[in-house]
Amino acid sequence: MPAPKPVFSQLYQDNYTMWEKETFSTTEDGILVGLEAYLDSLVNATKLWLHTINNYVDIDYMLWVRWLLSPVFLCFVILPSLILVFIYISSIILYIHRIHRLRLLNTLQNSVEQGDLWTAGREIVATLWDAHAWLWHGYELKGLENLPTDTGCLLVYYHGAIPLDYYYLVNRVLLLKGVMIKSVVDRCLFSMPGVKIILDVFGCTSGTVDSLAEELSNGQILGLSPGGIYEAQFSDHYYKVEWRNRLGFARAALKANVPILPVFTVNIREAFRTLPLLGSFWHFIYMKTRLPVRPLFGGFPVKLTTYVGAPIYPKEDMTPELLRDQVKASIESMISQHQRVPGKILPSIIDRVWKSRDHSD
């Protein structure tokens, strides 16, 4: 006997069809709404990521790294540039021969006769640094006439990520005026392997207020940065002066009654920069260890021009705080007058190629 055929109710069939359409329609709408919300969140996250990169990452540097790692760039630029290195070395040698040969020969001869070989060593090192400043950065020093000739003084400078400009300043003053600027440096530098001999030969000291005041009273020219390593690590291409509550230099100048000369170098933050990431982390590490461990990058051939400002003389009844604020305001005024803010690497390199000019924009 054959099995009976199933009996389908027309009403059941109609209800089932309607339910199926409503269910799939609702599901499809839900999927579209969820997909739209997901895409919106993805777009917002991308915008936030790009905004963060724009604020905290140097795009010029990232592009430079990308080009540097490119095989085409390696083959067609880096390797041929080795020949340019030899050309530049030849240029440095000839520059030294043209500008400094007589001074070096006389200094070497006098040093041998007097048995003072460190003087000759300083002259040789200063000549090499001055040649590097001329070749790589087109270095200029302006305001040298402000250095007093009848008394000691204190040069107070803005501290770059690496104070390359101050090295150039010390060596050029030594070559042009025969005067050695003694530098006040952080104690940690004396612990760096291989650096102590340079610090000793160039008269560097960590100093105290009393010892610095004594040297200033004896007619010595001293150079220091109140911001020091902290300013080097945590200032940036906006050139904010980071001195915190440093007053020692002002006390020494007041005690010795000598002038302070503000010093600033244009584009020093574009030559070398600190890594613009994890600033709070590096600040925490520094405050705990007092060590400059924040990574650096750079070495860019930007134009460097050092300005030595007019001397600021102590006045009667002037407090260290008042003198410090006056010097700080003077440096900030020099930054506002001469420096492009925020500093930019590529335009600073272009300044090196074309004639140097002040930036007031």
Protein backbone atom coordinates (compact mmCIF):
# COMPACT_ATOMS: atom_id res chain seq x y z
CA MET A 1 0.00 0.00 0.00
CA PRO A 2 1.64 3.31 -1.04
CA ALA A 3 2.38 5.93 1.61
CA PRO A 4 -0.09 8.78 1.80
CA LYS A 5 1.03 12.06 0.33
CA PRO A 6 1.64 14.88 2.80
CA VAL A 7 -1.06 17.36 3.02
CA PHE A 8 0.08 21.05 2.90
CA SER A 9 -2.12 23.75 4.16
CA GLN A 10 -2.18 26.79 1.91
CA LEU A 11 -2.47 28.99 4.99
CA TYR A 12 0.65 27.37 6.49
CA GLN A 13 2.57 27.86 3.26
CA ASP A 14 1.68 31.53 3.07
CA ASN A 15 2.62 32.16 6.72
CA TYR A 16 5.95 30.36 6.33
CA THR A 17 6.88 32.37 3.25
CA MET A 18 6.05 35.66 4.93
CA TRP A 19 8.09 34.70 8.03
CA GLU A 20 11.06 33.71 5.92
CA LYS A 21 11.07 37.03 4.07
CA GLU A 22 10.84 39.05 7.30
CA THR A 23 13.59 37.03 8.98
CA PHE A 24 16.10 37.35 6.14
CA SER A 25 15.24 40.99 5.63
CA THR A 26 15.90 41.74 9.32
CA THR A 27 19.15 39.75 9.29
CA GLU A 28 20.35 41.53 6.15
CA ASP A 29 19.58 44.95 7.66
CA GLY A 30 21.45 43.99 10.83
CA ILE A 31 24.50 42.91 8.86
CA LEU A 32 24.53 46.14 6.85
CA VAL A 33 24.19 48.28 10.00
CA GLY A 34 26.98 46.36 11.74
CA LEU A 35 29.23 46.60 8.70
CA GLU A 36 28.60 50.33 8.43
CA ALA A 37 29.45 50.85 12.12
CA TYR A 38 32.63 48.80 11.73
CA LEU A 39 33.74 50.82 8.71
CA ASP A 40 33.04 54.08 10.55
CA SER A 41 35.17 52.97 13.50
CA LEU A 42 37.93 51.87 11.11
CA VAL A 43 37.93 55.26 9.38
CA ASN A 44 38.01 57.09 12.73
CA ALA A 45 40.86 54.92 13.98
CA THR A 46 42.80 55.57 10.77
CA LYS A 47 42.29 59.34 11.12
CA LEU A 48 43.46 59.20 14.75
CA TRP A 49 46.52 57.17 13.75
CA LEU A 50 47.45 59.59 10.99
CA HIS A 51 46.92 62.56 13.33
CA THR A 52 49.22 60.94 15.92
CA ILE A 53 51.88 60.26 13.33
CA ASN A 54 51.67 63.84 12.08
CA ASN A 55 52.14 65.23 15.60
CA TYR A 56 54.79 62.89 16.99
CA VAL A 57 56.69 61.40 14.05
CA ASP A 58 59.05 63.36 11.85
CA ILE A 59 57.79 62.53 8.37
CA ASP A 60 60.94 63.93 6.75
CA TYR A 61 63.06 61.54 8.79
CA MET A 62 60.86 58.52 8.05
CA LEU A 63 61.05 59.24 4.33
CA TRP A 64 64.81 59.60 4.65
CA VAL A 65 65.06 56.18 6.35
CA ARG A 66 62.90 54.63 3.66
CA TRP A 67 65.12 56.06 0.92
CA LEU A 68 68.22 54.98 2.80
CA LEU A 69 67.05 51.36 2.94
CA SER A 70 65.99 51.28 -0.68
CA PRO A 71 68.24 49.05 -2.86
CA VAL A 72 68.06 51.61 -5.66
CA PHE A 73 69.12 54.38 -3.29
CA LEU A 74 71.90 52.15 -1.96
CA CYS A 75 73.28 51.35 -5.40
CA PHE A 76 72.89 54.72 -7.05
CA VAL A 77 73.53 57.09 -4.11
CA ILE A 78 75.28 55.57 -1.08
CA LEU A 79 77.98 53.60 -2.87
CA PRO A 80 78.89 56.41 -5.29
CA SER A 81 78.91 58.75 -2.29
CA LEU A 82 81.98 56.95 -0.98
CA ILE A 83 83.92 58.74 -3.68
CA LEU A 84 82.50 62.03 -2.40
CA VAL A 85 83.76 61.15 1.08
CA PHE A 86 87.33 61.03 -0.21
CA ILE A 87 86.76 64.31 -2.05
CA TYR A 88 85.49 65.96 1.14
CA ILE A 89 88.42 64.63 3.14
CA SER A 90 90.72 66.19 0.55
CA SER A 91 88.74 69.42 0.87
CA ILE A 92 89.16 69.45 4.65
CA ILE A 93 92.90 68.92 4.35
CA LEU A 94 93.25 71.75 1.84
CA TYR A 95 91.02 74.03 3.95
CA ILE A 96 93.25 73.46 6.95
CA HIS A 97 96.34 74.05 4.83
CA ARG A 98 94.96 77.30 3.41
CA ILE A 99 93.53 78.84 6.59
CA HIS A 100 95.49 77.41 9.51
CA ARG A 101 98.87 76.15 8.27
CA LEU A 102 100.96 79.04 9.64
CA ARG A 103 99.18 79.03 13.00
CA LEU A 104 99.59 75.27 13.34
CA LEU A 105 103.27 75.33 12.38
CA ASN A 106 104.04 78.16 14.81
CA THR A 107 102.04 76.53 17.60
CA LEU A 108 103.72 73.18 17.08
CA GLN A 109 107.15 74.78 17.05
CA ASN A 110 106.49 76.80 20.20
CA SER A 111 104.95 73.83 21.98
CA VAL A 112 107.97 71.65 21.23
CA GLU A 113 110.35 74.36 22.43
CA GLN A 114 108.39 74.93 25.65
CA GLY A 115 107.55 71.26 26.21
CA ASP A 116 103.79 72.02 26.22
CA LEU A 117 102.35 69.48 23.79
CA TRP A 118 98.75 69.92 25.01
CA THR A 119 98.57 73.43 23.51
CA ALA A 120 99.50 72.01 20.13
CA GLY A 121 96.99 69.20 20.62
CA ARG A 122 94.22 71.71 21.29
CA GLU A 123 95.11 73.65 18.15
CA ILE A 124 95.03 70.52 16.00
CA VAL A 125 91.68 69.36 17.42
CA ALA A 126 90.22 72.86 17.08
CA THR A 127 91.35 73.02 13.46
CA LEU A 128 89.70 69.68 12.64
CA TRP A 129 86.43 70.73 14.29
CA ASP A 130 86.47 74.08 12.52
CA ALA A 131 87.01 72.35 9.17
CA HIS A 132 84.08 70.03 9.86
CA ALA A 133 81.90 73.00 10.84
CA TRP A 134 82.77 74.81 7.61
CA LEU A 135 82.26 71.78 5.37
CA TRP A 136 79.16 70.10 6.81
CA HIS A 137 77.17 72.97 8.29
CA GLY A 138 78.54 76.13 6.66
CA TYR A 139 79.02 77.29 10.24
CA GLU A 140 78.95 81.01 11.00
CA LEU A 141 79.69 82.81 14.26
CA LYS A 142 78.14 86.25 14.72
CA GLY A 143 78.51 88.65 17.64
CA LEU A 144 82.06 87.66 18.57
CA GLU A 145 82.79 91.34 19.14
CA ASN A 146 80.55 91.16 22.22
CA LEU A 147 83.14 89.11 24.09
CA PRO A 148 84.76 91.40 26.67
CA THR A 149 88.54 91.71 26.54
CA ASP A 150 89.16 93.20 29.99
CA THR A 151 87.17 90.88 32.25
CA GLY A 152 85.86 87.38 32.60
CA CYS A 153 82.38 86.50 31.40
CA LEU A 154 79.87 83.69 31.28
CA LEU A 155 78.49 82.33 28.01
CA VAL A 156 75.04 80.82 28.54
CA TYR A 157 73.73 78.80 25.61
CA TYR A 158 70.66 76.84 24.54
CA HIS A 159 71.47 73.10 24.65
CA GLY A 160 70.67 71.09 21.51
CA ALA A 161 70.18 67.33 21.48
CA ILE A 162 73.96 67.27 20.89
CA PRO A 163 75.64 70.64 21.56
CA LEU A 164 77.56 70.51 18.30
CA ASP A 165 77.28 74.27 17.93
CA TYR A 166 78.98 74.87 21.27
CA TYR A 167 81.91 72.66 20.23
CA TYR A 168 82.24 74.76 17.09
CA LEU A 169 82.02 77.98 19.12
CA VAL A 170 84.76 76.96 21.57
CA ASN A 171 87.14 75.87 18.81
CA ARG A 172 86.57 78.91 16.59
CA VAL A 173 87.14 81.34 19.48
CA LEU A 174 90.34 79.44 20.25
CA LEU A 175 91.53 79.78 16.65
CA LEU A 176 90.46 83.40 16.11
CA LYS A 177 91.28 84.95 19.49
CA GLY A 178 93.65 82.45 21.08
CA VAL A 179 91.32 82.25 24.08
CA MET A 180 90.17 78.95 25.51
CA ILE A 181 86.61 78.92 26.83
CA LYS A 182 86.39 76.60 29.81
CA SER A 183 83.18 74.61 29.82
CA VAL A 184 80.99 73.64 32.76
CA VAL A 185 79.69 70.14 32.04
CA ASP A 186 77.66 67.44 33.74
CA ARG A 187 79.55 65.08 36.03
CA CYS A 188 78.40 62.02 34.07
CA LEU A 189 80.62 63.04 31.13
CA PHE A 190 83.74 62.35 33.21
CA SER A 191 82.59 58.71 33.48
CA MET A 192 82.31 58.18 29.72
CA PRO A 193 85.15 56.01 28.37
CA GLY A 194 87.66 57.90 26.24
CA VAL A 195 86.16 61.34 26.90
CA LYS A 196 88.06 62.38 30.03
CA ILE A 197 91.22 63.33 28.15
CA ILE A 198 89.27 65.78 25.98
CA LEU A 199 87.58 67.30 29.03
CA ASP A 200 90.94 67.72 30.79
CA VAL A 201 92.78 69.24 27.82
CA PHE A 202 89.98 71.74 27.16
CA GLY A 203 89.64 72.68 30.84
CA CYS A 204 86.13 71.32 31.40
CA THR A 205 84.81 71.17 34.95
CA SER A 206 81.61 70.30 36.81
CA GLY A 207 82.38 73.21 39.17
CA THR A 208 80.62 74.80 42.12
CA VAL A 209 79.27 78.31 42.51
CA ASP A 210 82.35 79.37 44.50
CA SER A 211 84.90 77.79 42.14
CA LEU A 212 83.19 79.25 39.07
CA ALA A 213 82.99 82.69 40.66
CA GLU A 214 86.71 82.52 41.44
CA GLU A 215 87.62 81.66 37.85
CA LEU A 216 85.35 84.39 36.51
CA SER A 217 86.97 86.92 38.88
CA ASN A 218 90.38 85.91 37.49
CA GLY A 219 89.31 86.87 33.97
CA GLN A 220 88.37 83.42 32.68
CA ILE A 221 85.63 82.95 30.08
CA LEU A 222 83.28 80.12 31.03
CA GLY A 223 80.52 78.48 29.02
CA LEU A 224 77.56 76.52 30.31
CA SER A 225 73.97 75.57 29.60
CA PRO A 226 71.59 75.85 32.58
CA GLY A 227 69.26 73.36 30.89
CA GLY A 228 72.05 70.84 30.45
CA ILE A 229 71.16 67.23 29.71
CA TYR A 230 67.51 67.80 30.67
CA GLU A 231 67.12 70.43 27.96
CA ALA A 232 69.01 68.25 25.49
CA GLN A 233 66.68 65.31 26.10
CA PHE A 234 63.30 67.00 26.51
CA SER A 235 63.27 70.20 24.52
CA ASP A 236 62.37 69.76 20.85
CA HIS A 237 62.09 71.54 17.50
CA TYR A 238 59.76 74.11 19.11
CA TYR A 239 62.85 75.39 20.97
CA LYS A 240 61.35 75.76 24.43
CA VAL A 241 63.99 76.79 26.97
CA GLU A 242 64.02 74.10 29.70
CA TRP A 243 65.97 75.47 32.65
CA ARG A 244 63.66 74.39 35.48
CA ASN A 245 64.94 76.12 38.65
CA ARG A 246 68.66 76.39 37.85
CA LEU A 247 70.24 79.39 39.58
CA GLY A 248 73.90 78.43 40.10
CA PHE A 249 75.19 80.27 37.03
CA ALA A 250 73.41 83.48 38.09
CA ARG A 251 74.83 83.24 41.62
CA ALA A 252 78.35 82.77 40.22
CA ALA A 253 78.01 85.77 37.88
CA LEU A 254 76.66 87.97 40.68
CA LYS A 255 79.39 86.89 43.06
CA ALA A 256 82.13 87.61 40.50
CA ASN A 257 80.31 90.70 39.15
CA VAL A 258 80.89 89.69 35.52
CA PRO A 259 78.54 89.89 32.52
CA ILE A 260 76.55 87.03 31.04
CA LEU A 261 76.36 86.66 27.27
CA PRO A 262 73.35 84.73 25.87
CA VAL A 263 74.16 82.36 23.00
CA PHE A 264 71.83 80.66 20.52
CA THR A 265 72.46 78.67 17.35
CA VAL A 266 69.92 78.60 14.54
CA ASN A 267 68.78 75.09 13.45
CA ILE A 268 70.69 73.23 16.17
CA ARG A 269 67.60 71.05 16.81
CA GLU A 270 67.52 70.06 13.14
CA ALA A 271 71.12 68.78 13.13
CA PHE A 272 70.27 66.13 15.74
CA ARG A 273 66.93 65.29 17.33
CA THR A 274 65.68 63.10 20.14
CA LEU A 275 63.29 60.27 19.32
CA PRO A 276 59.81 61.90 19.29
CA LEU A 277 58.09 58.86 20.83
CA LEU A 278 57.41 57.70 24.40
CA GLY A 279 58.39 61.06 25.89
CA SER A 280 56.83 60.30 29.28
CA PHE A 281 58.69 56.98 29.47
CA TRP A 282 62.08 58.55 28.75
CA HIS A 283 61.33 61.35 31.21
CA PHE A 284 60.55 58.77 33.91
CA ILE A 285 63.81 56.92 33.21
CA TYR A 286 65.81 60.15 33.32
CA MET A 287 64.26 61.33 36.59
CA LYS A 288 65.10 57.97 38.18
CA THR A 289 68.64 57.53 36.81
CA ARG A 290 69.77 61.01 35.63
CA LEU A 291 71.18 59.29 32.54
CA PRO A 292 70.61 60.60 28.97
CA VAL A 293 69.27 57.35 27.51
CA ARG A 294 66.68 58.78 25.13
CA PRO A 295 67.71 57.76 21.58
CA LEU A 296 68.99 60.36 19.13
CA PHE A 297 68.99 60.53 15.35
CA GLY A 298 70.30 62.97 12.81
CA GLY A 299 73.62 64.27 11.61
CA PHE A 300 71.82 66.27 8.92
CA PRO A 301 73.88 68.92 7.04
CA VAL A 302 71.75 71.85 8.13
CA LYS A 303 72.91 75.45 8.19
CA LEU A 304 74.19 76.46 11.65
CA THR A 305 74.67 80.07 12.67
CA THR A 306 75.62 80.96 16.25
CA TYR A 307 74.64 84.34 17.67
CA VAL A 308 76.44 85.75 20.70
CA GLY A 309 74.15 88.34 22.27
CA ALA A 310 74.96 91.59 24.00
CA PRO A 311 76.37 91.22 27.54
CA ILE A 312 73.97 91.40 30.46
CA TYR A 313 75.66 93.07 33.42
CA PRO A 314 74.66 92.41 37.03
CA LYS A 315 73.17 95.34 38.87
CA GLU A 316 73.19 96.30 42.50
CA ASP A 317 70.62 94.46 44.63
CA MET A 318 69.82 92.12 41.69
CA THR A 319 68.68 88.69 42.84
CA PRO A 320 69.80 85.45 41.13
CA GLU A 321 66.21 84.83 40.08
CA LEU A 322 65.96 88.22 38.38
CA LEU A 323 69.28 87.76 36.56
CA ARG A 324 68.31 84.26 35.45
CA ASP A 325 64.96 85.44 34.11
CA GLN A 326 66.62 88.29 32.23
CA VAL A 327 69.10 85.93 30.53
CA LYS A 328 66.36 83.44 29.73
CA ALA A 329 64.19 86.17 28.21
CA SER A 330 67.15 87.28 26.09
CA ILE A 331 67.67 83.78 24.69
CA GLU A 332 63.96 83.40 24.00
CA SER A 333 64.06 86.72 22.16
CA MET A 334 66.98 85.46 20.04
CA ILE A 335 65.01 82.30 19.22
CA SER A 336 62.00 84.37 18.21
CA GLN A 337 64.14 86.65 16.05
CA HIS A 338 66.34 84.14 14.26
CA GLN A 339 64.77 80.69 14.40
CA ARG A 340 62.02 79.14 12.28
CA VAL A 341 59.55 77.57 14.76
CA PRO A 342 58.78 74.75 14.57
CA GLY A 343 62.12 73.81 13.13
CA LYS A 344 62.05 71.80 9.91
CA ILE A 345 64.86 69.59 8.66
CA LEU A 346 64.49 69.96 4.89
CA PRO A 347 64.29 73.80 4.80
CA SER A 348 67.28 73.90 7.17
CA ILE A 349 69.28 71.77 4.73
CA ILE A 350 68.23 74.10 1.93
CA ASP A 351 69.53 77.00 4.04
CA ARG A 352 72.90 75.24 4.02
CA VAL A 353 72.95 75.21 0.22
CA TRP A 354 71.76 78.75 -0.34
CA LYS A 355 72.81 81.93 1.40
CA SER A 356 72.06 82.01 5.12
CA ARG A 357 69.22 84.27 6.18
CA ASP A 358 67.31 85.10 9.33
CA HIS A 359 63.82 83.66 9.82
CA SER A 360 61.16 85.92 11.20
CA ASP A 361 58.14 84.04 9.81
